[in-house]
Amino acid sequence: AAWQTKDPWFDKYPETGRYLASDGQKMRLPLRLASHETVLYGAADMAEVMKDFEEEDFTPVSVGGKAAIQVWFNNFTDTDCGPEETKNPYLETWFSLPVTPKSAPLDLPLESPMSYMVADPW
């Protein structure tokens, strides 16, 4: 079977539907993922980041004049992603930036390296 994780927490969320993935497979909703992850927090040059936000309605949160950034490293050990008859672990990496509407930019002071851990700018 694809899903092998035995944890009662997942039992609270039975399948409610399916979605069609870009590769033609129909995936379970809600999607189940068991994982280990590491998140690194840091900063990127605001001027460089802003080049990608020119046409956006949002702007990155500024911490000490730099864009706050998060890099996620995920080891998904069990998922519903892929063929139903196969266990489907995979590795995934992504980055994210906390943002606010351009009409309400947020500039936070850099008080320590922990300042980059912006969880909810609202």
N, C-alpha and C. Protein backbone atom coordinates (compact mmCIF):
# COMPACT_ATOMS: atom_id res chain seq x y z
N ALA A 1 0.84 -1.19 0.00
CA ALA A 1 0.00 0.00 0.00
C ALA A 1 0.87 1.24 0.00
N ALA A 2 0.37 2.30 -0.56
CA ALA A 2 1.16 3.53 -0.63
C ALA A 2 1.39 4.13 0.74
N TRP A 3 0.33 4.39 1.48
CA TRP A 3 0.44 5.07 2.77
C TRP A 3 0.71 4.05 3.85
N GLN A 4 1.85 4.17 4.54
CA GLN A 4 2.24 3.18 5.54
C GLN A 4 2.33 3.74 6.95
N THR A 5 2.30 5.05 7.11
CA THR A 5 2.43 5.67 8.42
C THR A 5 1.23 5.31 9.30
N LYS A 6 1.50 4.85 10.50
CA LYS A 6 0.45 4.53 11.47
C LYS A 6 0.48 5.58 12.58
N ASP A 7 -0.37 6.56 12.44
CA ASP A 7 -0.46 7.63 13.43
C ASP A 7 -1.92 8.05 13.49
N PRO A 8 -2.56 7.96 14.67
CA PRO A 8 -3.98 8.29 14.77
C PRO A 8 -4.32 9.72 14.36
N TRP A 9 -3.35 10.61 14.38
CA TRP A 9 -3.61 11.99 13.97
C TRP A 9 -4.14 12.02 12.53
N PHE A 10 -3.57 11.20 11.64
CA PHE A 10 -4.00 11.19 10.24
C PHE A 10 -5.39 10.60 10.08
N ASP A 11 -5.82 9.75 11.00
CA ASP A 11 -7.14 9.12 10.91
C ASP A 11 -8.27 10.13 10.99
N LYS A 12 -8.00 11.31 11.54
CA LYS A 12 -9.02 12.35 11.67
C LYS A 12 -9.37 12.99 10.33
N TYR A 13 -8.59 12.70 9.29
CA TYR A 13 -8.75 13.38 8.01
C TYR A 13 -8.99 12.37 6.88
N PRO A 14 -10.21 11.83 6.78
CA PRO A 14 -10.50 10.86 5.71
C PRO A 14 -10.48 11.56 4.35
N GLU A 15 -10.36 10.76 3.33
CA GLU A 15 -10.35 11.30 1.96
C GLU A 15 -11.68 12.00 1.67
N THR A 16 -11.59 13.20 1.13
CA THR A 16 -12.79 13.98 0.78
C THR A 16 -12.92 14.19 -0.72
N GLY A 17 -11.87 13.87 -1.46
CA GLY A 17 -11.90 14.06 -2.90
C GLY A 17 -10.55 13.75 -3.51
N ARG A 18 -10.43 14.09 -4.79
CA ARG A 18 -9.19 13.86 -5.53
C ARG A 18 -8.93 15.08 -6.42
N TYR A 19 -7.65 15.31 -6.72
CA TYR A 19 -7.32 16.33 -7.70
C TYR A 19 -6.44 15.71 -8.77
N LEU A 20 -6.49 16.27 -9.96
CA LEU A 20 -5.72 15.77 -11.09
C LEU A 20 -4.39 16.50 -11.15
N ALA A 21 -3.29 15.77 -10.93
CA ALA A 21 -1.95 16.36 -10.97
C ALA A 21 -1.51 16.57 -12.42
N SER A 22 -0.49 17.38 -12.61
CA SER A 22 -0.02 17.70 -13.95
C SER A 22 0.50 16.47 -14.70
N ASP A 23 0.86 15.40 -13.96
CA ASP A 23 1.34 14.18 -14.62
C ASP A 23 0.20 13.21 -14.94
N GLY A 24 -1.05 13.63 -14.70
CA GLY A 24 -2.21 12.81 -15.03
C GLY A 24 -2.70 11.91 -13.90
N GLN A 25 -2.00 11.88 -12.78
CA GLN A 25 -2.44 11.04 -11.66
C GLN A 25 -3.47 11.79 -10.82
N LYS A 26 -4.41 11.04 -10.27
CA LYS A 26 -5.40 11.61 -9.37
C LYS A 26 -4.90 11.39 -7.94
N MET A 27 -4.73 12.49 -7.20
CA MET A 27 -4.17 12.46 -5.86
C MET A 27 -5.24 12.69 -4.80
N ARG A 28 -5.08 12.03 -3.68
CA ARG A 28 -6.00 12.10 -2.55
C ARG A 28 -6.01 13.50 -1.94
N LEU A 29 -7.20 13.93 -1.51
CA LEU A 29 -7.36 15.15 -0.71
C LEU A 29 -8.08 14.77 0.57
N PRO A 30 -7.68 15.23 1.73
CA PRO A 30 -6.44 15.99 1.91
C PRO A 30 -5.21 15.11 1.72
N LEU A 31 -4.17 15.71 1.21
CA LEU A 31 -2.91 15.04 1.00
C LEU A 31 -2.26 14.74 2.35
N ARG A 32 -1.70 13.55 2.51
CA ARG A 32 -0.99 13.19 3.75
C ARG A 32 0.50 13.20 3.49
N LEU A 33 1.25 13.83 4.38
CA LEU A 33 2.70 13.89 4.29
C LEU A 33 3.29 13.63 5.67
N ALA A 34 4.21 12.69 5.76
CA ALA A 34 5.01 12.50 6.98
C ALA A 34 6.42 12.92 6.62
N SER A 35 7.05 13.76 7.46
CA SER A 35 8.34 14.30 7.04
C SER A 35 9.22 14.70 8.21
N HIS A 36 10.45 14.94 7.85
CA HIS A 36 11.43 15.59 8.72
C HIS A 36 11.89 16.80 7.92
N GLU A 37 12.09 17.91 8.58
CA GLU A 37 12.47 19.10 7.83
C GLU A 37 13.43 19.97 8.62
N THR A 38 14.15 20.76 7.87
CA THR A 38 15.03 21.78 8.44
C THR A 38 14.69 23.08 7.74
N VAL A 39 14.55 24.14 8.50
CA VAL A 39 14.26 25.45 7.93
C VAL A 39 15.39 26.40 8.33
N LEU A 40 15.99 27.03 7.34
CA LEU A 40 17.02 28.04 7.59
C LEU A 40 16.41 29.41 7.35
N TYR A 41 16.71 30.33 8.24
CA TYR A 41 16.23 31.69 8.12
C TYR A 41 17.42 32.60 7.85
N GLY A 42 17.21 33.60 7.00
CA GLY A 42 18.30 34.51 6.70
C GLY A 42 17.80 35.70 5.91
N ALA A 43 18.71 36.31 5.16
CA ALA A 43 18.40 37.55 4.45
C ALA A 43 18.90 37.48 3.02
N ALA A 44 18.22 38.21 2.17
CA ALA A 44 18.63 38.37 0.77
C ALA A 44 18.67 39.86 0.44
N ASP A 45 19.44 40.21 -0.54
CA ASP A 45 19.56 41.60 -0.97
C ASP A 45 18.20 42.10 -1.45
N MET A 46 17.67 43.11 -0.78
CA MET A 46 16.32 43.60 -1.07
C MET A 46 16.19 44.08 -2.51
N ALA A 47 17.20 44.79 -3.03
CA ALA A 47 17.11 45.31 -4.40
C ALA A 47 16.98 44.17 -5.41
N GLU A 48 17.71 43.09 -5.20
CA GLU A 48 17.64 41.94 -6.11
C GLU A 48 16.27 41.25 -6.01
N VAL A 49 15.78 41.10 -4.80
CA VAL A 49 14.49 40.45 -4.60
C VAL A 49 13.37 41.29 -5.21
N MET A 50 13.45 42.60 -5.06
CA MET A 50 12.40 43.49 -5.56
C MET A 50 12.25 43.42 -7.08
N LYS A 51 13.28 43.02 -7.80
CA LYS A 51 13.17 42.87 -9.26
C LYS A 51 12.08 41.86 -9.61
N ASP A 52 11.91 40.84 -8.78
CA ASP A 52 10.89 39.82 -9.04
C ASP A 52 9.51 40.21 -8.50
N PHE A 53 9.43 41.32 -7.79
CA PHE A 53 8.15 41.75 -7.21
C PHE A 53 7.58 42.99 -7.89
N GLU A 54 8.18 43.42 -8.99
CA GLU A 54 7.74 44.66 -9.65
C GLU A 54 6.26 44.63 -10.04
N GLU A 55 5.76 43.49 -10.51
CA GLU A 55 4.37 43.39 -10.97
C GLU A 55 3.45 42.76 -9.92
N GLU A 56 3.95 42.55 -8.72
CA GLU A 56 3.16 41.89 -7.68
C GLU A 56 2.40 42.90 -6.83
N ASP A 57 1.37 42.44 -6.14
CA ASP A 57 0.59 43.28 -5.22
C ASP A 57 1.18 43.27 -3.81
N PHE A 58 2.21 42.47 -3.61
CA PHE A 58 2.82 42.31 -2.29
C PHE A 58 4.29 42.69 -2.34
N THR A 59 4.84 42.96 -1.16
CA THR A 59 6.25 43.31 -1.05
C THR A 59 6.87 42.50 0.09
N PRO A 60 8.12 42.10 -0.05
CA PRO A 60 8.76 41.33 1.01
C PRO A 60 8.90 42.14 2.30
N VAL A 61 8.83 41.44 3.41
CA VAL A 61 9.10 42.07 4.70
C VAL A 61 10.59 42.40 4.76
N SER A 62 10.90 43.59 5.21
CA SER A 62 12.28 44.04 5.35
C SER A 62 12.73 43.89 6.80
N VAL A 63 13.88 43.28 6.98
CA VAL A 63 14.49 43.18 8.31
C VAL A 63 15.88 43.82 8.19
N GLY A 64 16.04 44.98 8.80
CA GLY A 64 17.31 45.68 8.71
C GLY A 64 17.68 46.05 7.28
N GLY A 65 16.67 46.29 6.43
CA GLY A 65 16.90 46.68 5.05
C GLY A 65 17.10 45.52 4.09
N LYS A 66 17.04 44.30 4.58
CA LYS A 66 17.17 43.12 3.72
C LYS A 66 15.86 42.33 3.71
N ALA A 67 15.66 41.55 2.66
CA ALA A 67 14.46 40.72 2.58
C ALA A 67 14.65 39.49 3.46
N ALA A 68 13.70 39.25 4.35
CA ALA A 68 13.72 38.04 5.18
C ALA A 68 13.39 36.85 4.29
N ILE A 69 14.13 35.76 4.43
CA ILE A 69 13.92 34.59 3.57
C ILE A 69 14.01 33.32 4.40
N GLN A 70 13.26 32.32 3.99
CA GLN A 70 13.28 31.00 4.63
C GLN A 70 13.59 29.97 3.55
N VAL A 71 14.51 29.06 3.84
CA VAL A 71 14.82 27.96 2.93
C VAL A 71 14.45 26.67 3.65
N TRP A 72 13.58 25.90 3.03
CA TRP A 72 13.06 24.65 3.61
C TRP A 72 13.70 23.45 2.93
N PHE A 73 14.20 22.51 3.74
CA PHE A 73 14.74 21.24 3.25
C PHE A 73 13.84 20.15 3.84
N ASN A 74 13.13 19.43 2.99
CA ASN A 74 12.14 18.46 3.44
C ASN A 74 12.51 17.04 3.01
N ASN A 75 12.40 16.13 3.96
CA ASN A 75 12.56 14.70 3.70
C ASN A 75 11.19 14.08 3.95
N PHE A 76 10.39 13.95 2.89
CA PHE A 76 9.07 13.36 3.02
C PHE A 76 9.24 11.84 3.03
N THR A 77 9.00 11.22 4.16
CA THR A 77 9.23 9.79 4.33
C THR A 77 8.04 8.95 3.92
N ASP A 78 6.86 9.56 3.86
CA ASP A 78 5.65 8.85 3.45
C ASP A 78 4.66 9.90 2.96
N THR A 79 4.10 9.67 1.78
CA THR A 79 3.17 10.65 1.20
C THR A 79 2.12 9.94 0.36
N ASP A 80 1.10 10.70 -0.01
CA ASP A 80 0.09 10.24 -0.97
C ASP A 80 0.46 10.68 -2.39
N CYS A 81 1.64 11.23 -2.59
CA CYS A 81 2.06 11.72 -3.90
C CYS A 81 2.62 10.56 -4.72
N GLY A 82 1.96 10.21 -5.79
CA GLY A 82 2.45 9.14 -6.64
C GLY A 82 1.47 7.99 -6.72
N PRO A 83 1.91 6.88 -7.33
CA PRO A 83 1.03 5.72 -7.51
C PRO A 83 0.48 5.19 -6.18
N GLU A 84 -0.80 4.84 -6.19
CA GLU A 84 -1.45 4.38 -4.95
C GLU A 84 -0.86 3.10 -4.39
N GLU A 85 -0.30 2.25 -5.23
CA GLU A 85 0.21 0.96 -4.77
C GLU A 85 1.67 1.03 -4.31
N THR A 86 2.28 2.21 -4.29
CA THR A 86 3.69 2.35 -3.98
C THR A 86 3.89 3.37 -2.87
N LYS A 87 4.82 3.08 -1.94
CA LYS A 87 5.21 4.10 -0.96
C LYS A 87 5.96 5.19 -1.72
N ASN A 88 5.69 6.44 -1.43
CA ASN A 88 6.16 7.54 -2.26
C ASN A 88 6.97 8.59 -1.49
N PRO A 89 8.12 8.21 -0.93
CA PRO A 89 8.95 9.21 -0.26
C PRO A 89 9.67 10.08 -1.30
N TYR A 90 10.02 11.30 -0.92
CA TYR A 90 10.81 12.14 -1.81
C TYR A 90 11.43 13.29 -1.01
N LEU A 91 12.43 13.92 -1.61
CA LEU A 91 13.09 15.09 -1.04
C LEU A 91 12.59 16.32 -1.78
N GLU A 92 12.44 17.43 -1.04
CA GLU A 92 11.97 18.66 -1.67
C GLU A 92 12.60 19.84 -0.96
N THR A 93 12.97 20.84 -1.73
CA THR A 93 13.55 22.07 -1.18
C THR A 93 12.81 23.26 -1.80
N TRP A 94 12.50 24.25 -0.98
CA TRP A 94 11.91 25.47 -1.52
C TRP A 94 12.31 26.64 -0.64
N PHE A 95 12.05 27.83 -1.16
CA PHE A 95 12.27 29.03 -0.35
C PHE A 95 10.98 29.83 -0.31
N SER A 96 10.86 30.63 0.73
CA SER A 96 9.68 31.49 0.86
C SER A 96 10.10 32.80 1.50
N LEU A 97 9.27 33.79 1.29
CA LEU A 97 9.51 35.11 1.86
C LEU A 97 8.21 35.60 2.50
N PRO A 98 8.26 36.09 3.72
CA PRO A 98 7.06 36.73 4.28
C PRO A 98 6.82 38.04 3.53
N VAL A 99 5.55 38.32 3.25
CA VAL A 99 5.19 39.51 2.48
C VAL A 99 4.03 40.25 3.15
N THR A 100 3.86 41.48 2.74
CA THR A 100 2.71 42.30 3.12
C THR A 100 2.22 43.01 1.85
N PRO A 101 1.00 43.54 1.87
CA PRO A 101 0.55 44.32 0.70
C PRO A 101 1.50 45.50 0.46
N LYS A 102 1.68 45.83 -0.82
CA LYS A 102 2.56 46.97 -1.14
C LYS A 102 2.09 48.24 -0.45
N SER A 103 0.79 48.34 -0.21
CA SER A 103 0.25 49.54 0.44
C SER A 103 0.57 49.59 1.93
N ALA A 104 1.08 48.48 2.49
CA ALA A 104 1.39 48.42 3.92
C ALA A 104 2.72 47.70 4.15
N PRO A 105 3.83 48.25 3.62
CA PRO A 105 5.11 47.57 3.79
C PRO A 105 5.51 47.49 5.26
N LEU A 106 6.29 46.48 5.59
CA LEU A 106 6.73 46.27 6.97
C LEU A 106 8.24 46.26 7.01
N ASP A 107 8.80 47.20 7.75
CA ASP A 107 10.25 47.30 7.93
C ASP A 107 10.55 47.05 9.40
N LEU A 108 11.18 45.92 9.67
CA LEU A 108 11.52 45.54 11.05
C LEU A 108 13.01 45.79 11.30
N PRO A 109 13.37 46.11 12.54
CA PRO A 109 14.79 46.30 12.84
C PRO A 109 15.50 44.94 12.94
N LEU A 110 16.78 44.94 12.61
CA LEU A 110 17.61 43.75 12.80
C LEU A 110 18.20 43.85 14.21
N GLU A 111 17.61 43.11 15.14
CA GLU A 111 18.08 43.14 16.52
C GLU A 111 19.01 41.97 16.82
N SER A 112 18.82 40.88 16.10
CA SER A 112 19.66 39.69 16.24
C SER A 112 19.37 38.79 15.04
N PRO A 113 20.14 37.73 14.85
CA PRO A 113 19.82 36.81 13.75
C PRO A 113 18.40 36.23 13.86
N MET A 114 17.85 36.16 15.06
CA MET A 114 16.48 35.67 15.24
C MET A 114 15.43 36.61 14.63
N SER A 115 15.80 37.84 14.33
CA SER A 115 14.88 38.80 13.73
C SER A 115 14.36 38.34 12.38
N TYR A 116 15.12 37.47 11.68
CA TYR A 116 14.70 36.99 10.37
C TYR A 116 13.59 35.95 10.46
N MET A 117 13.26 35.48 11.64
CA MET A 117 12.21 34.47 11.81
C MET A 117 10.84 35.13 11.87
N VAL A 118 10.44 35.73 10.78
CA VAL A 118 9.17 36.43 10.67
C VAL A 118 8.10 35.38 10.38
N ALA A 119 7.21 35.14 11.34
CA ALA A 119 6.21 34.09 11.19
C ALA A 119 4.88 34.63 10.67
N ASP A 120 4.44 35.77 11.17
CA ASP A 120 3.15 36.31 10.77
C ASP A 120 3.26 37.83 10.81
N PRO A 121 3.52 38.43 9.64
CA PRO A 121 3.72 39.89 9.64
C PRO A 121 2.48 40.70 9.92
N TRP A 122 1.31 40.07 10.05
CA TRP A 122 0.08 40.83 10.29
C TRP A 122 -0.11 40.99 11.74
